[in-house]
Amino acid sequence: MEPQDTADRVSDRFCRDDADTTFRSCDGILFKVHRKNLEVVSEGFSPPEGTSSQSEIVPLTEDGATLNLLFQYMYPQRQPDLTKIDFKRLSEPAEAAEKYQVYAAMASCNVRMEFSYTEHPFEVMMMMYAFRHGYQDLMDKSQRKALEVSPTLAFESFPPQVYIAWTRYYAQWLDLIRFLHRPIDQMPNHIHESTMRRTTNGSCRSFPSWMHRHRC
């Protein structure tokens, strides 16, 4: 086993002597928090059964900056101002809040995502926040914005499964546009009637439905 480059250090904010649970971030920061707060405020943050001694440390996969933000939602205090956090940095606490079911943090992150969507629509869609966690409003907005993404940008930016779903969604609308630009008298009657029924019935697959089919 390779030696750690630096020793663990205790968080400046979460260092109470009466704390009964200690977590370690992936970058070696210790967070001393109160078990009761974890149980009351979140559904997924309680330490494993049998972890009762303060000397036992529970390792987590999140980094110190993410946990420092997330644990603030565990206590009766003013919540962090997420508008001061760079949008690119917001994805980590947003995902951690969903992972551990910290409801106050989930709500705050969702509001911040909604607020930022006009400036960062593709980032919200690309990091799969709305799709993974079932935020329908953001999914609807992603669906409308998805058609504005160029094929080159989609290929360079999206993970493979997202790109596959996007290409199928994009292609169906290109087919529809081509069809609608054809003179009606050049269309076979059965094709015209079939396509018009599909269009008026709204049966073109939505982007979220393509995402679901590809299990993104």
N, C-alpha and C. Protein backbone atom coordinates (compact mmCIF):
# COMPACT_ATOMS: atom_id res chain seq x y z
N MET A 1 0.85 -1.19 0.00
CA MET A 1 0.00 0.00 0.00
C MET A 1 0.89 1.24 0.00
N GLU A 2 0.58 2.19 -0.88
CA GLU A 2 1.37 3.40 -0.96
C GLU A 2 1.07 4.31 0.22
N PRO A 3 2.07 4.95 0.81
CA PRO A 3 1.82 5.86 1.92
C PRO A 3 1.07 7.09 1.46
N GLN A 4 0.24 7.64 2.35
CA GLN A 4 -0.50 8.85 2.03
C GLN A 4 0.47 10.02 1.98
N ASP A 5 0.20 10.95 1.06
CA ASP A 5 1.07 12.10 0.91
C ASP A 5 0.97 13.04 2.11
N THR A 6 -0.21 13.18 2.66
CA THR A 6 -0.42 14.08 3.80
C THR A 6 -1.29 13.39 4.82
N ALA A 7 -1.10 13.77 6.08
CA ALA A 7 -1.91 13.20 7.15
C ALA A 7 -3.29 13.85 7.15
N ASP A 8 -4.26 13.13 7.72
CA ASP A 8 -5.60 13.70 7.83
C ASP A 8 -5.56 14.97 8.67
N ARG A 9 -6.42 15.90 8.32
CA ARG A 9 -6.57 17.10 9.15
C ARG A 9 -8.05 17.30 9.43
N VAL A 10 -8.34 17.94 10.55
CA VAL A 10 -9.72 18.13 10.98
C VAL A 10 -10.28 19.41 10.37
N SER A 11 -11.52 19.34 9.92
CA SER A 11 -12.21 20.51 9.37
C SER A 11 -12.26 21.63 10.40
N ASP A 12 -12.03 22.84 9.97
CA ASP A 12 -12.11 23.99 10.87
C ASP A 12 -13.54 24.23 11.34
N ARG A 13 -14.50 23.91 10.50
CA ARG A 13 -15.90 24.17 10.84
C ARG A 13 -16.52 23.03 11.65
N PHE A 14 -16.20 21.81 11.29
CA PHE A 14 -16.81 20.64 11.94
C PHE A 14 -15.76 19.94 12.80
N CYS A 15 -15.58 20.47 13.99
CA CYS A 15 -14.52 19.96 14.88
C CYS A 15 -14.96 19.94 16.34
N ARG A 16 -16.27 19.86 16.57
CA ARG A 16 -16.78 19.91 17.95
C ARG A 16 -16.30 18.70 18.74
N ASP A 17 -15.90 18.95 19.99
CA ASP A 17 -15.41 17.87 20.85
C ASP A 17 -16.52 16.89 21.23
N ASP A 18 -17.78 17.38 21.25
CA ASP A 18 -18.88 16.50 21.65
C ASP A 18 -19.50 15.75 20.47
N ALA A 19 -18.93 15.90 19.28
CA ALA A 19 -19.43 15.15 18.12
C ALA A 19 -19.16 13.67 18.33
N ASP A 20 -20.09 12.84 17.85
CA ASP A 20 -19.97 11.40 18.08
C ASP A 20 -19.77 10.59 16.80
N THR A 21 -19.61 11.27 15.67
CA THR A 21 -19.38 10.58 14.40
C THR A 21 -18.33 11.34 13.60
N THR A 22 -17.41 10.62 13.03
CA THR A 22 -16.35 11.26 12.23
C THR A 22 -16.31 10.66 10.84
N PHE A 23 -16.36 11.53 9.84
CA PHE A 23 -16.24 11.11 8.44
C PHE A 23 -14.92 11.62 7.88
N ARG A 24 -14.39 10.86 6.93
CA ARG A 24 -13.18 11.30 6.23
C ARG A 24 -13.50 11.50 4.76
N SER A 25 -13.14 12.67 4.24
CA SER A 25 -13.32 12.93 2.81
C SER A 25 -12.25 12.21 2.02
N CYS A 26 -12.43 12.14 0.72
CA CYS A 26 -11.46 11.43 -0.12
C CYS A 26 -10.11 12.13 -0.17
N ASP A 27 -10.08 13.41 0.20
CA ASP A 27 -8.81 14.13 0.22
C ASP A 27 -8.29 14.33 1.64
N GLY A 28 -8.75 13.50 2.58
CA GLY A 28 -8.13 13.44 3.89
C GLY A 28 -8.53 14.49 4.89
N ILE A 29 -9.76 14.98 4.82
CA ILE A 29 -10.26 15.94 5.81
C ILE A 29 -11.28 15.24 6.69
N LEU A 30 -11.14 15.40 8.00
CA LEU A 30 -12.04 14.77 8.96
C LEU A 30 -13.15 15.74 9.36
N PHE A 31 -14.37 15.23 9.36
CA PHE A 31 -15.55 16.01 9.73
C PHE A 31 -16.20 15.36 10.94
N LYS A 32 -16.21 16.07 12.05
CA LYS A 32 -16.81 15.56 13.29
C LYS A 32 -18.21 16.15 13.42
N VAL A 33 -19.20 15.28 13.31
CA VAL A 33 -20.59 15.73 13.31
C VAL A 33 -21.39 14.90 14.31
N HIS A 34 -22.66 15.28 14.48
CA HIS A 34 -23.51 14.64 15.47
C HIS A 34 -24.47 13.66 14.80
N ARG A 35 -24.45 12.44 15.27
CA ARG A 35 -25.26 11.38 14.69
C ARG A 35 -26.74 11.76 14.65
N LYS A 36 -27.23 12.36 15.72
CA LYS A 36 -28.66 12.69 15.78
C LYS A 36 -29.04 13.64 14.65
N ASN A 37 -28.19 14.59 14.35
CA ASN A 37 -28.49 15.50 13.25
C ASN A 37 -28.56 14.75 11.92
N LEU A 38 -27.66 13.82 11.73
CA LEU A 38 -27.66 13.03 10.50
C LEU A 38 -28.95 12.25 10.35
N GLU A 39 -29.41 11.66 11.44
CA GLU A 39 -30.62 10.84 11.40
C GLU A 39 -31.86 11.67 11.13
N VAL A 40 -31.88 12.90 11.67
CA VAL A 40 -33.07 13.74 11.53
C VAL A 40 -33.14 14.42 10.17
N VAL A 41 -32.01 14.87 9.66
CA VAL A 41 -31.99 15.73 8.48
C VAL A 41 -31.82 14.96 7.17
N SER A 42 -31.25 13.77 7.23
CA SER A 42 -31.03 13.01 6.00
C SER A 42 -31.48 11.57 6.17
N GLU A 43 -31.69 10.91 5.03
CA GLU A 43 -32.08 9.50 5.07
C GLU A 43 -30.92 8.58 4.72
N GLY A 44 -29.87 9.12 4.13
CA GLY A 44 -28.79 8.26 3.67
C GLY A 44 -27.44 8.57 4.25
N PHE A 45 -27.39 9.42 5.27
CA PHE A 45 -26.11 9.85 5.79
C PHE A 45 -25.75 9.23 7.13
N SER A 46 -26.62 8.41 7.67
CA SER A 46 -26.30 7.78 8.95
C SER A 46 -25.13 6.83 8.76
N PRO A 47 -24.18 6.82 9.69
CA PRO A 47 -23.03 5.91 9.56
C PRO A 47 -23.47 4.47 9.70
N PRO A 48 -22.66 3.53 9.29
CA PRO A 48 -23.03 2.12 9.36
C PRO A 48 -23.35 1.69 10.78
N GLU A 49 -24.25 0.70 10.89
CA GLU A 49 -24.57 0.16 12.21
C GLU A 49 -23.31 -0.37 12.89
N GLY A 50 -23.21 -0.10 14.18
CA GLY A 50 -22.04 -0.55 14.92
C GLY A 50 -20.94 0.48 15.00
N THR A 51 -21.09 1.58 14.23
CA THR A 51 -20.11 2.66 14.32
C THR A 51 -20.54 3.58 15.44
N SER A 52 -20.02 3.36 16.62
CA SER A 52 -20.49 4.11 17.79
C SER A 52 -19.39 4.90 18.47
N SER A 53 -18.18 4.57 18.21
CA SER A 53 -17.09 5.25 18.89
C SER A 53 -16.59 6.42 18.06
N GLN A 54 -16.24 7.50 18.74
CA GLN A 54 -15.72 8.67 18.04
C GLN A 54 -14.41 8.36 17.34
N SER A 55 -13.71 7.34 17.83
CA SER A 55 -12.42 6.99 17.23
C SER A 55 -12.58 6.28 15.89
N GLU A 56 -13.79 5.77 15.60
CA GLU A 56 -14.03 5.12 14.32
C GLU A 56 -14.31 6.17 13.26
N ILE A 57 -13.65 6.04 12.13
CA ILE A 57 -13.78 7.02 11.06
C ILE A 57 -14.44 6.37 9.85
N VAL A 58 -15.49 7.01 9.34
CA VAL A 58 -16.22 6.50 8.18
C VAL A 58 -15.70 7.19 6.92
N PRO A 59 -15.10 6.46 5.98
CA PRO A 59 -14.59 7.08 4.76
C PRO A 59 -15.72 7.34 3.76
N LEU A 60 -15.66 8.49 3.11
CA LEU A 60 -16.63 8.84 2.07
C LEU A 60 -15.88 9.14 0.77
N THR A 61 -16.59 9.06 -0.33
CA THR A 61 -15.97 9.26 -1.64
C THR A 61 -15.93 10.73 -2.06
N GLU A 62 -16.66 11.59 -1.36
CA GLU A 62 -16.70 13.01 -1.71
C GLU A 62 -15.48 13.75 -1.17
N ASP A 63 -15.13 14.86 -1.81
CA ASP A 63 -13.99 15.64 -1.33
C ASP A 63 -14.41 16.59 -0.20
N GLY A 64 -13.40 17.22 0.40
CA GLY A 64 -13.65 18.05 1.56
C GLY A 64 -14.55 19.25 1.28
N ALA A 65 -14.37 19.89 0.14
CA ALA A 65 -15.19 21.06 -0.19
C ALA A 65 -16.66 20.69 -0.29
N THR A 66 -16.93 19.53 -0.88
CA THR A 66 -18.32 19.07 -1.01
C THR A 66 -18.94 18.77 0.35
N LEU A 67 -18.21 18.05 1.19
CA LEU A 67 -18.75 17.70 2.50
C LEU A 67 -18.87 18.91 3.41
N ASN A 68 -17.95 19.85 3.29
CA ASN A 68 -18.03 21.06 4.09
C ASN A 68 -19.33 21.81 3.80
N LEU A 69 -19.71 21.83 2.55
CA LEU A 69 -20.97 22.47 2.17
C LEU A 69 -22.17 21.65 2.63
N LEU A 70 -22.10 20.36 2.40
CA LEU A 70 -23.26 19.50 2.67
C LEU A 70 -23.57 19.41 4.16
N PHE A 71 -22.55 19.28 4.99
CA PHE A 71 -22.79 19.14 6.43
C PHE A 71 -23.39 20.41 7.05
N GLN A 72 -23.26 21.53 6.39
CA GLN A 72 -23.86 22.75 6.91
C GLN A 72 -25.39 22.66 6.94
N TYR A 73 -25.93 21.82 6.07
CA TYR A 73 -27.39 21.64 6.04
C TYR A 73 -27.87 20.74 7.17
N MET A 74 -26.96 20.17 7.94
CA MET A 74 -27.33 19.27 9.03
C MET A 74 -27.64 20.00 10.33
N TYR A 75 -27.37 21.29 10.35
CA TYR A 75 -27.50 22.03 11.60
C TYR A 75 -28.46 23.20 11.45
N PRO A 76 -29.10 23.60 12.57
CA PRO A 76 -30.03 24.75 12.53
C PRO A 76 -29.27 26.06 12.44
N GLN A 77 -28.99 26.46 11.24
CA GLN A 77 -28.22 27.67 10.98
C GLN A 77 -28.60 28.20 9.61
N ARG A 78 -28.09 29.37 9.29
CA ARG A 78 -28.34 29.93 7.97
C ARG A 78 -27.71 29.02 6.91
N GLN A 79 -28.49 28.71 5.88
CA GLN A 79 -27.99 27.81 4.86
C GLN A 79 -26.97 28.49 3.96
N PRO A 80 -26.07 27.71 3.36
CA PRO A 80 -25.05 28.30 2.47
C PRO A 80 -25.69 29.03 1.29
N ASP A 81 -25.04 30.08 0.86
CA ASP A 81 -25.49 30.85 -0.30
C ASP A 81 -24.88 30.22 -1.55
N LEU A 82 -25.67 29.43 -2.25
CA LEU A 82 -25.15 28.70 -3.41
C LEU A 82 -24.88 29.61 -4.60
N THR A 83 -25.40 30.84 -4.58
CA THR A 83 -25.12 31.75 -5.69
C THR A 83 -23.66 32.17 -5.71
N LYS A 84 -22.97 31.98 -4.59
CA LYS A 84 -21.56 32.35 -4.52
C LYS A 84 -20.64 31.21 -4.96
N ILE A 85 -21.23 30.08 -5.28
CA ILE A 85 -20.45 28.92 -5.70
C ILE A 85 -20.42 28.86 -7.22
N ASP A 86 -19.25 28.69 -7.78
CA ASP A 86 -19.12 28.57 -9.22
C ASP A 86 -19.98 27.43 -9.73
N PHE A 87 -20.63 27.67 -10.87
CA PHE A 87 -21.57 26.67 -11.37
C PHE A 87 -20.91 25.32 -11.58
N LYS A 88 -19.70 25.31 -12.11
CA LYS A 88 -19.02 24.03 -12.36
C LYS A 88 -18.77 23.27 -11.06
N ARG A 89 -18.62 24.01 -9.97
CA ARG A 89 -18.35 23.36 -8.67
C ARG A 89 -19.64 22.87 -8.03
N LEU A 90 -20.79 23.37 -8.51
CA LEU A 90 -22.07 23.03 -7.89
C LEU A 90 -22.46 21.58 -8.10
N SER A 91 -21.98 20.96 -9.16
CA SER A 91 -22.43 19.61 -9.49
C SER A 91 -22.10 18.60 -8.39
N GLU A 92 -20.95 18.76 -7.72
CA GLU A 92 -20.57 17.80 -6.68
C GLU A 92 -21.51 17.82 -5.48
N PRO A 93 -21.77 18.98 -4.86
CA PRO A 93 -22.73 18.97 -3.75
C PRO A 93 -24.15 18.62 -4.18
N ALA A 94 -24.53 18.97 -5.41
CA ALA A 94 -25.86 18.62 -5.89
C ALA A 94 -26.02 17.11 -5.97
N GLU A 95 -25.02 16.42 -6.50
CA GLU A 95 -25.07 14.97 -6.58
C GLU A 95 -24.98 14.33 -5.20
N ALA A 96 -24.15 14.89 -4.32
CA ALA A 96 -24.02 14.34 -2.97
C ALA A 96 -25.31 14.49 -2.19
N ALA A 97 -25.99 15.62 -2.36
CA ALA A 97 -27.26 15.84 -1.67
C ALA A 97 -28.28 14.79 -2.08
N GLU A 98 -28.32 14.46 -3.37
CA GLU A 98 -29.24 13.44 -3.85
C GLU A 98 -28.82 12.06 -3.34
N LYS A 99 -27.54 11.79 -3.35
CA LYS A 99 -27.02 10.49 -2.93
C LYS A 99 -27.37 10.18 -1.49
N TYR A 100 -27.21 11.17 -0.61
CA TYR A 100 -27.45 10.95 0.81
C TYR A 100 -28.82 11.43 1.27
N GLN A 101 -29.63 11.90 0.32
CA GLN A 101 -31.00 12.33 0.63
C GLN A 101 -31.03 13.39 1.72
N VAL A 102 -30.23 14.43 1.52
CA VAL A 102 -30.24 15.59 2.42
C VAL A 102 -31.23 16.57 1.81
N TYR A 103 -32.47 16.55 2.29
CA TYR A 103 -33.56 17.21 1.59
C TYR A 103 -33.40 18.72 1.49
N ALA A 104 -32.91 19.37 2.54
CA ALA A 104 -32.73 20.81 2.47
C ALA A 104 -31.71 21.17 1.40
N ALA A 105 -30.64 20.40 1.32
CA ALA A 105 -29.61 20.64 0.30
C ALA A 105 -30.14 20.31 -1.09
N MET A 106 -30.94 19.26 -1.20
CA MET A 106 -31.53 18.90 -2.49
C MET A 106 -32.37 20.05 -3.03
N ALA A 107 -33.19 20.64 -2.16
CA ALA A 107 -34.06 21.74 -2.59
C ALA A 107 -33.23 22.95 -3.00
N SER A 108 -32.21 23.28 -2.22
CA SER A 108 -31.38 24.45 -2.53
C SER A 108 -30.64 24.26 -3.85
N CYS A 109 -30.09 23.09 -4.05
CA CYS A 109 -29.35 22.83 -5.29
C CYS A 109 -30.28 22.85 -6.50
N ASN A 110 -31.48 22.33 -6.33
CA ASN A 110 -32.43 22.34 -7.44
C ASN A 110 -32.81 23.76 -7.83
N VAL A 111 -33.03 24.61 -6.82
CA VAL A 111 -33.34 26.02 -7.11
C VAL A 111 -32.18 26.68 -7.83
N ARG A 112 -30.98 26.39 -7.40
CA ARG A 112 -29.79 26.97 -8.04
C ARG A 112 -29.66 26.48 -9.47
N MET A 113 -29.94 25.22 -9.71
CA MET A 113 -29.90 24.69 -11.07
C MET A 113 -30.94 25.38 -11.95
N GLU A 114 -32.12 25.54 -11.40
CA GLU A 114 -33.20 26.19 -12.15
C GLU A 114 -32.82 27.63 -12.48
N PHE A 115 -32.24 28.31 -11.52
CA PHE A 115 -31.84 29.70 -11.70
C PHE A 115 -30.73 29.82 -12.74
N SER A 116 -29.84 28.84 -12.79
CA SER A 116 -28.67 28.90 -13.67
C SER A 116 -28.96 28.36 -15.06
N TYR A 117 -30.14 27.82 -15.27
CA TYR A 117 -30.39 27.08 -16.51
C TYR A 117 -30.27 27.96 -17.74
N THR A 118 -30.71 29.22 -17.64
CA THR A 118 -30.66 30.08 -18.82
C THR A 118 -29.23 30.33 -19.28
N GLU A 119 -28.28 30.32 -18.34
CA GLU A 119 -26.88 30.57 -18.68
C GLU A 119 -26.11 29.27 -18.94
N HIS A 120 -26.57 28.17 -18.35
CA HIS A 120 -25.84 26.90 -18.47
C HIS A 120 -26.78 25.74 -18.83
N PRO A 121 -27.58 25.89 -19.89
CA PRO A 121 -28.55 24.83 -20.17
C PRO A 121 -27.92 23.50 -20.51
N PHE A 122 -26.85 23.52 -21.29
CA PHE A 122 -26.26 22.27 -21.74
C PHE A 122 -25.48 21.60 -20.62
N GLU A 123 -24.91 22.41 -19.71
CA GLU A 123 -24.20 21.82 -18.59
C GLU A 123 -25.15 21.06 -17.68
N VAL A 124 -26.33 21.66 -17.42
CA VAL A 124 -27.32 20.97 -16.59
C VAL A 124 -27.72 19.67 -17.24
N MET A 125 -27.94 19.70 -18.55
CA MET A 125 -28.34 18.51 -19.27
C MET A 125 -27.19 17.51 -19.33
N MET A 126 -25.96 18.01 -19.59
CA MET A 126 -24.83 17.13 -19.81
C MET A 126 -24.47 16.36 -18.55
N MET A 127 -24.55 17.00 -17.41
CA MET A 127 -24.13 16.28 -16.21
C MET A 127 -25.27 15.41 -15.66
N MET A 128 -26.39 15.36 -16.40
CA MET A 128 -27.43 14.38 -16.14
C MET A 128 -28.17 14.60 -14.83
N TYR A 129 -28.02 15.77 -14.27
CA TYR A 129 -28.67 16.07 -12.99
C TYR A 129 -30.19 15.88 -13.09
N ALA A 130 -30.81 16.53 -14.06
CA ALA A 130 -32.27 16.47 -14.16
C ALA A 130 -32.76 15.07 -14.48
N PHE A 131 -32.06 14.36 -15.37
CA PHE A 131 -32.51 13.03 -15.79
C PHE A 131 -32.34 11.99 -14.70
N ARG A 132 -31.22 12.05 -14.01
CA ARG A 132 -30.96 11.06 -12.97
C ARG A 132 -31.92 11.18 -11.81
N HIS A 133 -32.31 12.41 -11.50
CA HIS A 133 -33.04 12.62 -10.26
C HIS A 133 -34.50 13.01 -10.47
N GLY A 134 -34.96 12.96 -11.71
CA GLY A 134 -36.38 13.09 -11.98
C GLY A 134 -36.96 14.48 -11.81
N TYR A 135 -36.19 15.52 -12.14
CA TYR A 135 -36.71 16.88 -12.07
C TYR A 135 -37.35 17.22 -13.41
N GLN A 136 -38.67 17.06 -13.47
CA GLN A 136 -39.38 17.14 -14.73
C GLN A 136 -39.25 18.50 -15.40
N ASP A 137 -39.31 19.59 -14.61
CA ASP A 137 -39.20 20.92 -15.20
C ASP A 137 -37.88 21.09 -15.95
N LEU A 138 -36.80 20.65 -15.32
CA LEU A 138 -35.50 20.76 -15.98
C LEU A 138 -35.40 19.81 -17.17
N MET A 139 -36.05 18.65 -17.08
CA MET A 139 -36.05 17.74 -18.22
C MET A 139 -36.77 18.36 -19.41
N ASP A 140 -37.90 19.03 -19.14
CA ASP A 140 -38.63 19.67 -20.23
C ASP A 140 -37.79 20.75 -20.89
N LYS A 141 -37.09 21.52 -20.07
CA LYS A 141 -36.24 22.57 -20.64
C LYS A 141 -35.07 21.96 -21.41
N SER A 142 -34.53 20.87 -20.90
CA SER A 142 -33.45 20.18 -21.62
C SER A 142 -33.93 19.70 -22.97
N GLN A 143 -35.16 19.22 -23.00
CA GLN A 143 -35.71 18.71 -24.26
C GLN A 143 -35.76 19.81 -25.30
N ARG A 144 -36.20 21.00 -24.90
CA ARG A 144 -36.28 22.10 -25.86
C ARG A 144 -34.89 22.56 -26.30
N LYS A 145 -33.96 22.59 -25.34
CA LYS A 145 -32.62 23.06 -25.65
C LYS A 145 -31.80 22.03 -26.42
N ALA A 146 -32.19 20.77 -26.32
CA ALA A 146 -31.39 19.71 -26.95
C ALA A 146 -31.29 19.91 -28.45
N LEU A 147 -32.33 20.46 -29.07
CA LEU A 147 -32.32 20.66 -30.51
C LEU A 147 -31.39 21.79 -30.93
N GLU A 148 -30.95 22.60 -29.97
CA GLU A 148 -30.05 23.71 -30.29
C GLU A 148 -28.58 23.28 -30.26
N VAL A 149 -28.32 22.07 -29.79
CA VAL A 149 -26.94 21.59 -29.72
C VAL A 149 -26.51 21.11 -31.10
N SER A 150 -25.36 21.56 -31.55
CA SER A 150 -24.84 21.11 -32.84
C SER A 150 -24.32 19.68 -32.70
N PRO A 151 -24.34 18.91 -33.79
CA PRO A 151 -23.79 17.55 -33.72
C PRO A 151 -22.34 17.52 -33.24
N THR A 152 -21.55 18.51 -33.65
CA THR A 152 -20.15 18.54 -33.22
C THR A 152 -20.04 18.74 -31.72
N LEU A 153 -20.80 19.70 -31.19
CA LEU A 153 -20.76 19.95 -29.75
C LEU A 153 -21.26 18.75 -28.97
N ALA A 154 -22.31 18.12 -29.47
CA ALA A 154 -22.85 16.94 -28.79
C ALA A 154 -21.81 15.82 -28.73
N PHE A 155 -21.14 15.59 -29.85
CA PHE A 155 -20.12 14.53 -29.90
C PHE A 155 -18.96 14.82 -28.95
N GLU A 156 -18.56 16.08 -28.87
CA GLU A 156 -17.41 16.45 -28.05
C GLU A 156 -17.75 16.53 -26.56
N SER A 157 -19.03 16.77 -26.24
CA SER A 157 -19.38 17.10 -24.86
C SER A 157 -20.11 16.00 -24.11
N PHE A 158 -20.96 15.23 -24.79
CA PHE A 158 -21.83 14.30 -24.09
C PHE A 158 -21.15 12.96 -23.84
N PRO A 159 -21.45 12.33 -22.72
CA PRO A 159 -21.02 10.94 -22.51
C PRO A 159 -21.65 10.06 -23.58
N PRO A 160 -21.06 8.89 -23.87
CA PRO A 160 -21.54 8.05 -24.98
C PRO A 160 -23.03 7.76 -24.96
N GLN A 161 -23.58 7.37 -23.80
CA GLN A 161 -25.00 7.02 -23.76
C GLN A 161 -25.88 8.23 -24.03
N VAL A 162 -25.47 9.39 -23.51
CA VAL A 162 -26.23 10.61 -23.76
C VAL A 162 -26.16 10.97 -25.23
N TYR A 163 -24.99 10.80 -25.83
CA TYR A 163 -24.83 11.14 -27.24
C TYR A 163 -25.71 10.25 -28.12
N ILE A 164 -25.77 8.97 -27.81
CA ILE A 164 -26.62 8.05 -28.58
C ILE A 164 -28.08 8.47 -28.48
N ALA A 165 -28.53 8.77 -27.26
CA ALA A 165 -29.92 9.20 -27.07
C ALA A 165 -30.18 10.50 -27.81
N TRP A 166 -29.23 11.42 -27.73
CA TRP A 166 -29.40 12.72 -28.40
C TRP A 166 -29.49 12.55 -29.91
N THR A 167 -28.63 11.72 -30.51
CA THR A 167 -28.65 11.55 -31.96
C THR A 167 -29.98 10.99 -32.44
N ARG A 168 -30.57 10.09 -31.69
CA ARG A 168 -31.86 9.52 -32.09
C ARG A 168 -32.98 10.56 -31.95
N TYR A 169 -32.91 11.33 -30.89
CA TYR A 169 -33.90 12.40 -30.70
C TYR A 169 -33.75 13.45 -31.79
N TYR A 170 -32.52 13.84 -32.07
CA TYR A 170 -32.25 14.87 -33.08
C TYR A 170 -32.68 14.39 -34.46
N ALA A 171 -32.39 13.12 -34.77
CA ALA A 171 -32.70 12.58 -36.09
C ALA A 171 -34.19 12.54 -36.37
N GLN A 172 -34.99 12.21 -35.35
CA GLN A 172 -36.43 12.11 -35.60
C GLN A 172 -37.02 13.48 -35.96
N TRP A 173 -36.47 14.54 -35.35
CA TRP A 173 -36.97 15.87 -35.68
C TRP A 173 -36.45 16.35 -37.03
N LEU A 174 -35.25 15.96 -37.41
CA LEU A 174 -34.78 16.28 -38.75
C LEU A 174 -35.65 15.60 -39.80
N ASP A 175 -36.02 14.35 -39.54
CA ASP A 175 -36.90 13.64 -40.48
C ASP A 175 -38.24 14.34 -40.60
N LEU A 176 -38.76 14.80 -39.47
CA LEU A 176 -40.05 15.48 -39.50
C LEU A 176 -39.96 16.80 -40.25
N ILE A 177 -38.87 17.54 -40.04
CA ILE A 177 -38.70 18.81 -40.74
C ILE A 177 -38.59 18.59 -42.24
N ARG A 178 -37.82 17.58 -42.64
CA ARG A 178 -37.70 17.28 -44.08
C ARG A 178 -39.06 16.91 -44.67
N PHE A 179 -39.82 16.14 -43.92
CA PHE A 179 -41.13 15.72 -44.39
C PHE A 179 -42.05 16.92 -44.58
N LEU A 180 -42.04 17.82 -43.62
CA LEU A 180 -42.95 18.97 -43.67
C LEU A 180 -42.57 19.95 -44.77
N HIS A 181 -41.32 19.88 -45.23
CA HIS A 181 -40.90 20.77 -46.30
C HIS A 181 -41.19 20.20 -47.69
N ARG A 182 -41.65 18.97 -47.75
CA ARG A 182 -41.99 18.38 -49.03
C ARG A 182 -43.37 18.87 -49.45
N PRO A 183 -43.55 19.16 -50.73
CA PRO A 183 -44.89 19.53 -51.20
C PRO A 183 -45.88 18.39 -50.93
N ILE A 184 -47.05 18.74 -50.47
CA ILE A 184 -48.03 17.73 -50.10
C ILE A 184 -48.41 16.85 -51.28
N ASP A 185 -48.46 17.44 -52.47
CA ASP A 185 -48.89 16.63 -53.62
C ASP A 185 -47.84 15.61 -54.04
N GLN A 186 -46.62 15.68 -53.48
CA GLN A 186 -45.60 14.69 -53.79
C GLN A 186 -45.57 13.54 -52.80
N MET A 187 -46.38 13.63 -51.77
CA MET A 187 -46.36 12.60 -50.74
C MET A 187 -47.41 11.54 -51.02
N PRO A 188 -47.04 10.27 -50.90
CA PRO A 188 -48.06 9.22 -50.97
C PRO A 188 -49.09 9.44 -49.87
N ASN A 189 -50.34 9.18 -50.18
CA ASN A 189 -51.41 9.46 -49.22
C ASN A 189 -51.22 8.74 -47.90
N HIS A 190 -50.78 7.48 -47.96
CA HIS A 190 -50.68 6.72 -46.72
C HIS A 190 -49.56 7.28 -45.83
N ILE A 191 -48.47 7.80 -46.46
CA ILE A 191 -47.39 8.39 -45.67
C ILE A 191 -47.85 9.70 -45.06
N HIS A 192 -48.54 10.51 -45.86
CA HIS A 192 -49.01 11.80 -45.37
C HIS A 192 -49.93 11.63 -44.17
N GLU A 193 -50.89 10.73 -44.30
CA GLU A 193 -51.84 10.53 -43.21
C GLU A 193 -51.16 9.98 -41.97
N SER A 194 -50.23 9.03 -42.17
CA SER A 194 -49.54 8.43 -41.03
C SER A 194 -48.71 9.46 -40.29
N THR A 195 -47.98 10.27 -41.06
CA THR A 195 -47.10 11.25 -40.42
C THR A 195 -47.90 12.33 -39.72
N MET A 196 -48.99 12.78 -40.33
CA MET A 196 -49.80 13.81 -39.70
C MET A 196 -50.42 13.29 -38.41
N ARG A 197 -50.84 12.02 -38.40
CA ARG A 197 -51.39 11.46 -37.16
C ARG A 197 -50.31 11.43 -36.09
N ARG A 198 -49.09 11.05 -36.48
CA ARG A 198 -48.01 10.97 -35.50
C ARG A 198 -47.69 12.35 -34.95
N THR A 199 -47.70 13.37 -35.83
CA THR A 199 -47.38 14.72 -35.38
C THR A 199 -48.45 15.28 -34.48
N THR A 200 -49.72 15.16 -34.88
CA THR A 200 -50.80 15.73 -34.09
C THR A 200 -51.00 14.98 -32.79
N ASN A 201 -50.68 13.72 -32.76
CA ASN A 201 -50.82 12.95 -31.52
C ASN A 201 -49.63 13.13 -30.59
N GLY A 202 -48.60 13.84 -31.05
CA GLY A 202 -47.43 14.08 -30.21
C GLY A 202 -46.65 12.83 -29.89
N SER A 203 -46.59 11.90 -30.85
CA SER A 203 -45.95 10.63 -30.55
C SER A 203 -44.47 10.60 -30.88
N CYS A 204 -43.90 11.73 -31.35
CA CYS A 204 -42.45 11.78 -31.49
C CYS A 204 -41.85 11.66 -30.10
N ARG A 205 -40.89 10.81 -29.97
CA ARG A 205 -40.33 10.54 -28.65
C ARG A 205 -39.65 11.79 -28.10
N SER A 206 -39.87 12.03 -26.81
CA SER A 206 -39.20 13.14 -26.14
C SER A 206 -37.77 12.76 -25.85
N PHE A 207 -36.94 13.78 -25.60
CA PHE A 207 -35.55 13.52 -25.26
C PHE A 207 -35.44 12.69 -23.98
N PRO A 208 -36.20 13.01 -22.90
CA PRO A 208 -36.13 12.15 -21.72
C PRO A 208 -36.48 10.70 -22.00
N SER A 209 -37.42 10.45 -22.92
CA SER A 209 -37.77 9.06 -23.21
C SER A 209 -36.63 8.34 -23.90
N TRP A 210 -35.91 9.04 -24.77
CA TRP A 210 -34.73 8.43 -25.38
C TRP A 210 -33.66 8.17 -24.33
N MET A 211 -33.51 9.10 -23.38
CA MET A 211 -32.54 8.91 -22.32
C MET A 211 -32.89 7.67 -21.50
N HIS A 212 -34.17 7.51 -21.21
CA HIS A 212 -34.60 6.37 -20.42
C HIS A 212 -34.35 5.07 -21.17
N ARG A 213 -34.60 5.06 -22.46
CA ARG A 213 -34.39 3.85 -23.25
C ARG A 213 -32.92 3.43 -23.24
N HIS A 214 -32.03 4.41 -23.18
CA HIS A 214 -30.60 4.09 -23.18
C HIS A 214 -30.04 4.05 -21.77
N ARG A 215 -30.92 4.10 -20.76
CA ARG A 215 -30.55 3.92 -19.36
C ARG A 215 -29.43 4.84 -18.93
N CYS A 216 -29.58 6.12 -19.27
CA CYS A 216 -28.57 7.09 -18.87
C CYS A 216 -28.84 7.55 -17.44
